[in-house]
Amino acid sequence: MASETRSTPAADNLDDDHYPAYTMGRAAEMIGTSPAFLRALGEAGLIAPLRSGGGHRRYSRHQLRIASRARELVDQGTPVEAACRIITLEDRLDVALQDNEDLRREGSPVGGPARGEDV
């Protein structure tokens, strides 16, 4: 009988971009900012860290990429609230562009008839 390869739940999380693996201190260190900056992003609603059993904030790699983008904007002089809004709008635009591309590939019209076409 061949042995089965079993993965543990912890090993399954290694590739999960949304797994909250990082403590606030480690997350801040990784992106070169302060825990207060991460708290500000949470208060602004840009990222919502999960909480450990003890109530400590835990961040995923996905959230750290978002926080890093916010830090870039703030470092360029953008206020935190504006940086959060910019990132939110960039994400919405990315989703809309992907939706349009998917519809084009399926052959569905996007936004009605093209210019010059009869209705």
C-alpha atoms as a PDB file:
ATOM      1  CA  MET A   1       0.000   0.000   0.000  1.00  0.00           C
ATOM      2  CA  ALA A   2       1.476   3.374  -1.022  1.00  0.00           C
ATOM      3  CA  SER A   3       1.875   5.906   1.723  1.00  0.00           C
ATOM      4  CA  GLU A   4      -0.400   8.907   1.535  1.00  0.00           C
ATOM      5  CA  THR A   5       1.033  12.377   1.529  1.00  0.00           C
ATOM      6  CA  ARG A   6      -0.766  14.308   4.197  1.00  0.00           C
ATOM      7  CA  SER A   7      -0.414  17.997   4.677  1.00  0.00           C
ATOM      8  CA  THR A   8      -0.999  19.576   8.003  1.00  0.00           C
ATOM      9  CA  PRO A   9      -3.287  22.583   8.331  1.00  0.00           C
ATOM     10  CA  ALA A  10      -0.267  24.728   9.255  1.00  0.00           C
ATOM     11  CA  ALA A  11       1.574  23.655   6.106  1.00  0.00           C
ATOM     12  CA  ASP A  12      -1.510  24.454   4.018  1.00  0.00           C
ATOM     13  CA  ASN A  13      -1.340  28.045   5.259  1.00  0.00           C
ATOM     14  CA  LEU A  14       2.198  28.623   3.951  1.00  0.00           C
ATOM     15  CA  ASP A  15       0.918  29.502   0.490  1.00  0.00           C
ATOM     16  CA  ASP A  16      -2.237  31.305   1.649  1.00  0.00           C
ATOM     17  CA  ASP A  17      -1.851  35.022   0.923  1.00  0.00           C
ATOM     18  CA  HIS A  18      -4.751  35.799   3.252  1.00  0.00           C
ATOM     19  CA  TYR A  19      -3.581  33.782   6.258  1.00  0.00           C
ATOM     20  CA  PRO A  20      -2.959  36.176   9.188  1.00  0.00           C
ATOM     21  CA  ALA A  21       0.553  35.008   9.983  1.00  0.00           C
ATOM     22  CA  TYR A  22       2.218  38.206  11.178  1.00  0.00           C
ATOM     23  CA  THR A  23       1.939  40.005  14.501  1.00  0.00           C
ATOM     24  CA  MET A  24       1.592  43.755  14.466  1.00  0.00           C
ATOM     25  CA  GLY A  25       5.222  44.285  15.489  1.00  0.00           C
ATOM     26  CA  ARG A  26       6.563  41.922  12.841  1.00  0.00           C
ATOM     27  CA  ALA A  27       4.230  43.338  10.189  1.00  0.00           C
ATOM     28  CA  ALA A  28       5.347  46.910  10.944  1.00  0.00           C
ATOM     29  CA  GLU A  29       8.991  45.838  10.831  1.00  0.00           C
ATOM     30  CA  MET A  30       8.535  44.055   7.507  1.00  0.00           C
ATOM     31  CA  ILE A  31       7.157  47.125   5.749  1.00  0.00           C
ATOM     32  CA  GLY A  32       9.325  49.636   7.592  1.00  0.00           C
ATOM     33  CA  THR A  33       6.637  51.462   9.497  1.00  0.00           C
ATOM     34  CA  SER A  34       5.216  51.708  13.000  1.00  0.00           C
ATOM     35  CA  PRO A  35       2.421  49.767  14.681  1.00  0.00           C
ATOM     36  CA  ALA A  36       0.572  53.118  14.984  1.00  0.00           C
ATOM     37  CA  PHE A  37       0.550  53.400  11.173  1.00  0.00           C
ATOM     38  CA  LEU A  38      -0.995  49.938  10.858  1.00  0.00           C
ATOM     39  CA  ARG A  39      -3.605  50.856  13.485  1.00  0.00           C
ATOM     40  CA  ALA A  40      -4.399  54.035  11.507  1.00  0.00           C
ATOM     41  CA  LEU A  41      -4.968  51.982   8.353  1.00  0.00           C
ATOM     42  CA  GLY A  42      -7.313  49.733  10.313  1.00  0.00           C
ATOM     43  CA  GLU A  43      -9.202  52.723  11.728  1.00  0.00           C
ATOM     44  CA  ALA A  44      -9.531  54.139   8.199  1.00  0.00           C
ATOM     45  CA  GLY A  45     -11.007  50.814   7.064  1.00  0.00           C
ATOM     46  CA  LEU A  46      -8.302  50.008   4.513  1.00  0.00           C
ATOM     47  CA  ILE A  47      -7.253  46.780   6.201  1.00  0.00           C
ATOM     48  CA  ALA A  48      -9.011  44.758   8.876  1.00  0.00           C
ATOM     49  CA  PRO A  49      -6.536  42.558  10.731  1.00  0.00           C
ATOM     50  CA  LEU A  50      -7.836  39.416  12.314  1.00  0.00           C
ATOM     51  CA  ARG A  51      -7.447  38.959  16.042  1.00  0.00           C
ATOM     52  CA  SER A  52      -5.662  36.118  17.773  1.00  0.00           C
ATOM     53  CA  GLY A  53      -7.293  34.285  20.661  1.00  0.00           C
ATOM     54  CA  GLY A  54      -5.608  36.781  22.972  1.00  0.00           C
ATOM     55  CA  GLY A  55      -6.951  39.754  21.024  1.00  0.00           C
ATOM     56  CA  HIS A  56      -3.704  40.666  19.234  1.00  0.00           C
ATOM     57  CA  ARG A  57      -3.859  41.957  15.662  1.00  0.00           C
ATOM     58  CA  ARG A  58      -2.585  39.539  12.996  1.00  0.00           C
ATOM     59  CA  TYR A  59      -1.830  40.536   9.393  1.00  0.00           C
ATOM     60  CA  SER A  60      -1.671  38.572   6.141  1.00  0.00           C
ATOM     61  CA  ARG A  61       0.796  39.049   3.278  1.00  0.00           C
ATOM     62  CA  HIS A  62      -2.051  40.519   1.217  1.00  0.00           C
ATOM     63  CA  GLN A  63      -2.739  43.112   3.917  1.00  0.00           C
ATOM     64  CA  LEU A  64       0.967  43.914   4.162  1.00  0.00           C
ATOM     65  CA  ARG A  65       1.126  44.641   0.426  1.00  0.00           C
ATOM     66  CA  ILE A  66      -1.800  47.056   0.822  1.00  0.00           C
ATOM     67  CA  ALA A  67      -0.186  48.681   3.869  1.00  0.00           C
ATOM     68  CA  SER A  68       3.087  48.993   1.977  1.00  0.00           C
ATOM     69  CA  ARG A  69       1.309  50.792  -0.892  1.00  0.00           C
ATOM     70  CA  ALA A  70      -0.304  53.146   1.646  1.00  0.00           C
ATOM     71  CA  ARG A  71       3.091  53.822   3.181  1.00  0.00           C
ATOM     72  CA  GLU A  72       4.500  54.733  -0.261  1.00  0.00           C
ATOM     73  CA  LEU A  73       1.719  57.279  -0.771  1.00  0.00           C
ATOM     74  CA  VAL A  74       2.097  58.733   2.725  1.00  0.00           C
ATOM     75  CA  ASP A  75       5.868  58.981   2.250  1.00  0.00           C
ATOM     76  CA  GLN A  76       5.122  61.083  -0.868  1.00  0.00           C
ATOM     77  CA  GLY A  77       3.069  63.500   1.252  1.00  0.00           C
ATOM     78  CA  THR A  78      -0.424  62.078   0.826  1.00  0.00           C
ATOM     79  CA  PRO A  79      -2.554  62.164   3.998  1.00  0.00           C
ATOM     80  CA  VAL A  80      -3.427  58.706   5.383  1.00  0.00           C
ATOM     81  CA  GLU A  81      -7.160  59.076   4.686  1.00  0.00           C
ATOM     82  CA  ALA A  82      -6.494  60.140   1.085  1.00  0.00           C
ATOM     83  CA  ALA A  83      -4.012  57.292   0.602  1.00  0.00           C
ATOM     84  CA  CYS A  84      -6.644  54.824   1.788  1.00  0.00           C
ATOM     85  CA  ARG A  85      -9.202  56.274  -0.634  1.00  0.00           C
ATOM     86  CA  ILE A  86      -6.719  56.155  -3.527  1.00  0.00           C
ATOM     87  CA  ILE A  87      -5.915  52.505  -2.850  1.00  0.00           C
ATOM     88  CA  THR A  88      -9.598  51.613  -2.568  1.00  0.00           C
ATOM     89  CA  LEU A  89     -10.319  53.293  -5.909  1.00  0.00           C
ATOM     90  CA  GLU A  90      -7.300  51.639  -7.554  1.00  0.00           C
ATOM     91  CA  ASP A  91      -8.588  48.249  -6.414  1.00  0.00           C
ATOM     92  CA  ARG A  92     -12.086  48.982  -7.718  1.00  0.00           C
ATOM     93  CA  LEU A  93     -10.660  50.081 -11.058  1.00  0.00           C
ATOM     94  CA  ASP A  94      -8.573  46.886 -11.310  1.00  0.00           C
ATOM     95  CA  VAL A  95     -11.699  44.777 -10.697  1.00  0.00           C
ATOM     96  CA  ALA A  96     -13.718  46.735 -13.275  1.00  0.00           C
ATOM     97  CA  LEU A  97     -10.968  46.429 -15.880  1.00  0.00           C
ATOM     98  CA  GLN A  98     -10.723  42.688 -15.266  1.00  0.00           C
ATOM     99  CA  ASP A  99     -14.501  42.325 -15.547  1.00  0.00           C
ATOM    100  CA  ASN A 100     -14.446  44.203 -18.866  1.00  0.00           C
ATOM    101  CA  GLU A 101     -11.629  42.010 -20.162  1.00  0.00           C
ATOM    102  CA  ASP A 102     -13.530  38.869 -19.149  1.00  0.00           C
ATOM    103  CA  LEU A 103     -16.639  40.107 -20.955  1.00  0.00           C
ATOM    104  CA  ARG A 104     -14.647  40.909 -24.094  1.00  0.00           C
ATOM    105  CA  ARG A 105     -13.173  37.405 -24.130  1.00  0.00           C
ATOM    106  CA  GLU A 106     -16.686  35.960 -23.831  1.00  0.00           C
ATOM    107  CA  GLY A 107     -17.851  38.141 -26.714  1.00  0.00           C
ATOM    108  CA  SER A 108     -20.384  40.035 -24.623  1.00  0.00           C
ATOM    109  CA  PRO A 109     -20.831  43.709 -25.387  1.00  0.00           C
ATOM    110  CA  VAL A 110     -19.418  46.037 -22.763  1.00  0.00           C
ATOM    111  CA  GLY A 111     -21.380  49.239 -22.234  1.00  0.00           C
ATOM    112  CA  GLY A 112     -23.691  48.849 -25.235  1.00  0.00           C
ATOM    113  CA  PRO A 113     -22.922  49.155 -28.935  1.00  0.00           C
ATOM    114  CA  ALA A 114     -19.566  50.435 -30.094  1.00  0.00           C
ATOM    115  CA  ARG A 115     -19.301  53.897 -31.549  1.00  0.00           C
ATOM    116  CA  GLY A 116     -20.735  53.990 -35.061  1.00  0.00           C
ATOM    117  CA  GLU A 117     -22.792  50.792 -34.636  1.00  0.00           C
ATOM    118  CA  ASP A 118     -26.541  50.776 -35.105  1.00  0.00           C
ATOM    119  CA  VAL A 119     -28.678  49.895 -32.134  1.00  0.00           C
END
